Protein backbone atom coordinates (compact mmCIF):
# COMPACT_ATOMS: atom_id res chain seq x y z
CA MET A 1 102.73 13.13 130.11
CA TRP A 2 100.62 9.98 130.22
CA ASN A 3 102.99 8.54 132.83
CA ALA A 4 102.49 11.65 135.01
CA ILE A 5 98.71 11.45 134.60
CA HIS A 6 98.69 7.74 135.48
CA ARG A 7 100.89 8.36 138.52
CA ALA A 8 98.63 11.19 139.75
CA ARG A 9 95.53 9.00 139.31
CA ASP A 10 97.22 6.13 141.16
CA ILE A 11 98.42 8.30 144.09
CA ASN A 12 95.09 10.06 144.53
CA GLY A 13 93.01 6.93 144.04
CA TYR A 14 90.91 8.37 141.22
CA GLY A 15 88.51 5.79 139.83
CA LEU A 16 88.53 3.81 143.09
CA ASP A 17 86.03 3.65 145.96
CA ASN A 18 87.79 6.28 148.16
CA PRO A 19 89.38 8.90 145.91
CA ARG A 20 91.52 11.67 147.39
CA LEU A 21 89.41 14.83 147.12
CA ASP A 22 91.44 17.12 149.42
CA ARG A 23 95.14 17.27 150.28
CA LEU A 24 94.22 17.34 154.01
CA GLN A 25 91.97 14.29 153.71
CA GLY A 26 92.91 11.77 156.42
CA LEU A 27 95.21 14.25 158.19
CA ASP A 28 94.18 13.16 161.71
CA GLU A 29 95.04 9.52 161.07
CA PHE A 30 98.31 10.43 159.36
CA SER A 31 99.21 12.76 162.26
CA ARG A 32 98.83 9.91 164.76
CA LEU A 33 101.21 7.79 162.69
CA GLN A 34 103.77 10.64 162.64
CA LYS A 35 103.62 11.25 166.40
CA THR A 36 105.03 8.02 167.78
CA PRO A 37 106.11 8.51 171.44
CA SER A 38 109.87 8.65 171.96
CA PHE A 39 111.79 9.36 175.17
CA ARG A 40 114.84 10.70 173.34
CA LEU A 41 112.83 12.96 171.03
CA ASN A 42 110.82 14.26 173.98
CA TRP A 43 114.05 15.25 175.71
CA LEU A 44 115.31 16.89 172.53
CA ASP A 45 112.07 18.88 172.35
CA ILE A 46 112.61 20.04 175.93
CA LEU A 47 116.24 20.99 175.27
CA THR A 48 115.24 22.91 172.14
CA PHE A 49 112.36 24.73 173.89
CA ASN A 50 109.75 22.88 171.79
CA LEU A 51 110.63 25.08 168.82
CA SER A 52 110.04 22.18 166.40
CA SER A 53 106.33 21.83 167.19
CA ASP A 54 105.08 24.25 164.55
CA VAL A 55 107.53 23.00 161.91
CA HIS A 56 106.50 19.40 162.60
CA LYS A 57 102.80 20.26 162.18
CA ARG A 58 103.51 21.96 158.86
CA LEU A 59 105.56 19.00 157.63
CA ILE A 60 102.78 16.57 158.56
CA SER A 61 100.16 18.59 156.68
CA LEU A 62 102.43 18.91 153.63
CA TRP A 63 103.38 15.21 153.60
CA ASN A 64 99.84 14.01 154.37
CA GLY A 65 99.27 10.70 152.62
CA ARG A 66 102.86 10.96 151.25
CA VAL A 67 101.59 13.04 148.36
CA VAL A 68 103.64 16.07 147.23
CA TYR A 69 101.88 19.28 146.23
CA GLN A 70 104.72 21.42 144.92
CA ARG A 71 102.82 24.71 145.23
CA HIS A 72 102.61 24.16 149.00
CA TRP A 73 106.13 22.83 149.57
CA GLY A 74 107.73 25.74 147.72
CA PRO A 75 106.60 28.47 150.18
CA PHE A 76 107.52 26.23 153.13
CA PHE A 77 111.11 25.78 152.00
CA ALA A 78 111.33 29.47 151.06
CA THR A 79 110.30 30.40 154.62
CA MET A 80 112.76 27.96 156.14
CA ARG A 81 115.61 29.30 153.99
CA GLN A 82 114.82 32.84 155.17
CA ASP A 83 114.82 31.68 158.79
CA TRP A 84 118.15 29.91 158.37
CA LEU A 85 119.74 32.95 156.78
CA ARG A 86 118.37 35.14 159.58
CA MET A 87 119.68 32.81 162.28
CA GLY A 88 123.02 32.52 160.48
CA GLY A 89 123.37 36.30 160.49
CA VAL A 90 122.47 36.47 164.20
CA GLY A 91 125.01 33.75 164.94
CA VAL A 92 127.75 35.62 163.06
CA VAL A 93 126.97 38.86 164.93
CA MET A 94 127.07 37.06 168.29
CA TRP A 95 130.31 35.33 167.32
CA LEU A 96 131.89 38.71 166.53
CA GLY A 97 130.74 40.05 169.90
CA ASN A 98 132.26 37.07 171.69
CA THR A 99 135.54 37.34 169.83
CA THR A 100 135.64 41.01 170.87
CA LEU A 101 135.28 39.94 174.50
CA LEU A 102 138.02 37.34 174.05
CA ALA A 103 140.32 39.91 172.48
CA SER A 104 139.69 42.31 175.39
CA GLY A 105 140.95 39.67 177.85
CA CYS A 106 137.67 38.15 179.07
CA ARG A 107 138.27 34.41 178.94
CA SER A 108 135.52 32.96 181.09
CA VAL A 109 133.80 29.66 180.35
CA PHE A 110 130.62 31.51 179.39
CA VAL A 111 132.42 33.48 176.67
CA PHE A 112 134.00 30.33 175.24
CA GLY A 113 130.63 28.56 175.36
CA SER A 114 128.82 31.43 173.65
CA THR A 115 131.53 31.64 171.00
CA ALA A 116 131.29 27.93 170.19
CA LEU A 117 127.48 27.87 170.19
CA SER A 118 127.11 30.99 168.02
CA LEU A 119 129.65 29.64 165.52
CA ALA A 120 127.89 26.27 165.45
CA SER A 121 124.54 27.99 164.91
CA ALA A 122 125.85 30.05 161.98
CA CYS A 123 127.58 27.07 160.33
CA LEU A 124 124.55 24.80 160.74
CA ALA A 125 122.15 27.48 159.45
CA PHE A 126 124.20 28.11 156.33
CA LEU A 127 124.67 24.35 155.79
CA LEU A 128 120.90 23.75 155.98
CA HIS A 129 120.32 26.64 153.59
CA GLN A 130 122.80 25.13 151.11
CA LYS A 131 121.41 21.59 151.43
CA HIS A 132 117.87 22.87 150.77
CA ALA A 133 118.67 25.21 147.91
CA ASP A 134 115.92 26.07 145.45
CA HIS A 135 117.55 24.29 142.51
CA LEU A 136 117.80 21.04 144.51
CA LEU A 137 114.08 21.00 145.34
CA SER A 138 112.62 22.57 142.23
CA THR A 139 110.26 19.76 141.16
CA GLY A 140 107.71 17.57 142.87
CA SER A 141 109.78 14.44 142.26
CA ASP A 142 112.84 16.08 143.86
CA ILE A 143 110.82 17.02 146.94
CA GLY A 144 109.23 13.57 147.17
CA SER A 145 112.59 11.80 146.87
CA TYR A 146 114.11 14.08 149.51
CA VAL A 147 111.29 13.61 152.03
CA MET A 148 111.24 9.84 151.58
CA ARG A 149 115.00 9.80 152.12
CA VAL A 150 114.97 11.80 155.38
CA GLU A 151 111.73 10.39 156.84
CA SER A 152 112.28 8.07 159.78
CA VAL A 153 110.60 4.68 159.67
CA SER A 154 109.72 4.81 163.37
CA TYR A 155 109.20 8.52 164.09
CA GLY A 156 108.27 10.05 160.75
CA LEU A 157 109.34 13.63 160.17
CA ARG A 158 109.77 14.60 163.81
CA PRO A 159 113.61 14.22 163.81
CA VAL A 160 113.77 16.35 160.65
CA ALA A 161 111.73 19.10 162.31
CA ILE A 162 114.14 19.13 165.26
CA ILE A 163 117.12 19.41 162.92
CA TYR A 164 115.46 22.32 161.11
CA ILE A 165 115.21 24.42 164.30
CA LEU A 166 118.64 23.59 165.75
CA PRO A 167 120.12 26.95 164.60
CA GLN A 168 117.42 28.82 166.54
CA ALA A 169 117.99 26.73 169.68
CA LEU A 170 121.78 27.19 169.48
CA VAL A 171 121.31 30.96 169.14
CA VAL A 172 119.21 30.96 172.31
CA TYR A 173 121.85 29.02 174.25
CA ALA A 174 124.60 31.26 172.86
CA GLY A 175 122.66 34.32 173.96
CA LEU A 176 122.16 32.90 177.47
CA CYS A 177 125.89 32.20 177.79
CA PHE A 178 126.68 35.67 176.45
CA ASN A 179 124.39 37.26 179.04
CA ALA A 180 125.95 35.15 181.78
CA ALA A 181 129.38 36.36 180.68
CA LEU A 182 128.23 39.98 180.83
CA ILE A 183 126.80 39.43 184.32
CA SER A 184 130.09 37.93 185.52
CA ILE A 185 132.01 40.85 184.05
CA ALA A 186 129.64 43.37 185.64
CA ALA A 187 129.90 41.61 189.00
CA GLY A 188 133.69 41.63 188.88
CA THR A 189 134.20 45.22 187.78
CA LYS A 190 134.90 47.92 190.34
CA ARG A 191 133.66 50.84 188.30
CA LEU A 192 129.98 51.59 188.61
CA THR A 193 129.76 53.15 185.14
CA GLU A 194 131.11 50.08 183.40
CA ALA A 195 128.75 47.83 185.38
CA VAL A 196 125.72 49.95 184.45
CA VAL A 197 126.71 49.94 180.76
CA LEU A 198 127.14 46.16 180.78
CA LEU A 199 123.78 45.62 182.49
CA ILE A 200 122.05 47.87 179.94
CA PHE A 201 123.69 45.91 177.13
CA LEU A 202 122.53 42.74 178.89
CA GLY A 203 118.93 43.92 178.83
CA ILE A 204 119.13 44.85 175.16
CA SER A 205 120.65 41.50 174.21
CA THR A 206 117.84 39.63 175.99
CA PHE A 207 115.13 40.79 173.56
CA PRO A 208 116.42 38.76 170.54
CA ILE A 209 116.35 35.62 172.70
CA LEU A 210 112.76 36.19 173.84
CA GLY A 211 111.73 37.14 170.31
CA THR A 212 113.27 33.97 168.86
CA LEU A 213 111.52 31.77 171.41
CA ALA A 214 108.15 33.50 171.04
CA PHE A 215 108.27 33.53 167.23
CA PHE A 216 109.36 29.94 166.58
CA SER A 217 107.63 28.09 169.40
CA ASP A 218 104.07 27.06 170.18
CA SER A 219 104.77 26.76 173.90
CA PRO A 220 102.03 28.46 175.99
CA THR A 221 104.65 29.83 178.39
CA LEU A 222 106.56 31.51 175.60
CA ARG A 223 103.34 32.81 174.08
CA SER A 224 102.57 34.40 177.44
CA VAL A 225 106.01 36.03 177.39
CA GLU A 226 105.21 37.41 173.96
CA LYS A 227 101.88 38.75 175.26
CA GLY A 228 103.69 40.28 178.24
CA ILE A 229 106.08 42.14 175.95
CA GLY A 230 103.12 43.35 173.90
CA TRP A 231 101.36 44.49 177.10
CA VAL A 232 104.44 46.48 178.13
CA LEU A 233 104.65 48.15 174.72
CA SER A 234 100.89 48.73 174.37
CA PRO A 235 100.89 52.20 176.08
CA VAL A 236 103.50 53.42 173.63
CA LYS A 237 101.50 52.05 170.70
CA ARG A 238 98.33 53.72 171.96
CA LEU A 239 100.19 57.01 172.41
CA VAL A 240 101.60 56.89 168.89
CA HIS A 241 98.27 55.80 167.41
CA GLY A 242 96.40 58.55 169.26
CA ALA A 243 98.86 61.18 168.10
CA SER A 244 98.43 60.06 164.50
CA GLN A 245 94.65 60.27 164.80
CA GLU A 246 94.72 63.75 166.36
CA LYS A 247 96.42 65.27 163.35
CA PRO A 248 93.77 67.37 161.51
CA ALA A 249 93.20 66.63 157.88
CA PRO A 250 94.28 69.45 155.56
CA ASP A 251 91.34 71.61 154.41
CA ASN A 252 91.83 73.23 151.05
CA GLY A 253 88.28 74.60 150.81
CA ARG A 254 87.16 71.97 148.34
CA SER A 255 86.22 69.11 150.67
CA ASN A 256 82.57 70.16 150.95
CA MET A 257 82.29 70.59 147.21
CA ASN A 258 83.72 67.12 146.64
CA LYS A 259 81.33 65.55 149.11
CA ASN A 260 78.23 67.12 147.41
CA PRO A 261 78.11 66.22 143.74
CA ASN A 262 75.18 68.63 143.15
CA ASN A 263 77.15 71.63 144.36
CA GLU A 264 78.13 73.86 141.45
């Protein structure tokens, strides 16, 4: 116990001239140290649609001053595990759809690409979920040892943030290849009904891709896409909301008596 108290006093600088009064104290300076320019990492951010931006910001705020506050790291890893499970499930569903296309005789390069990318996304998502299990990061010392082990000397936690969002990026690429395969099939079919069905399925399969990009990225372009989808759906929301407000409240003859406490 005394060792833990001494370590906490030493880390937070209690008793010194500049004690640590807030976990976000010195965050701006620490953020500059964690954002070292890198040509390779910039290209990786572009290839992954800048999905790691929000995760990197959260990691910087959690690891500020290299001090671990377990009550803040716990919800972060819980959220990441949920995202990895979600992306793993999406990858498995897309892999099943691609194997169905392969079994039906469609063997284009887009189908093979989508199959490989969806399988890679599912495997990587489940691997990250297993490597970051709750029992492996249950204490502050476990979390501190893990972060110090994976932190880059030159680029901080930015490579880790990119690794964390790789399942989401692979799902997006798998979905794009899957849509390209459906377009090629629709363009090559001679039956109008089959082409219309494939194009409708193409439109439906595009929404998970846009939703993934808009949810996990801080890119202004993708945020505008999210706003555009909300603008398209806003008339339906207003219609439903207006219909719910127009429903009259049931009158059992006692409402006026309840409103007036002096009424006998």
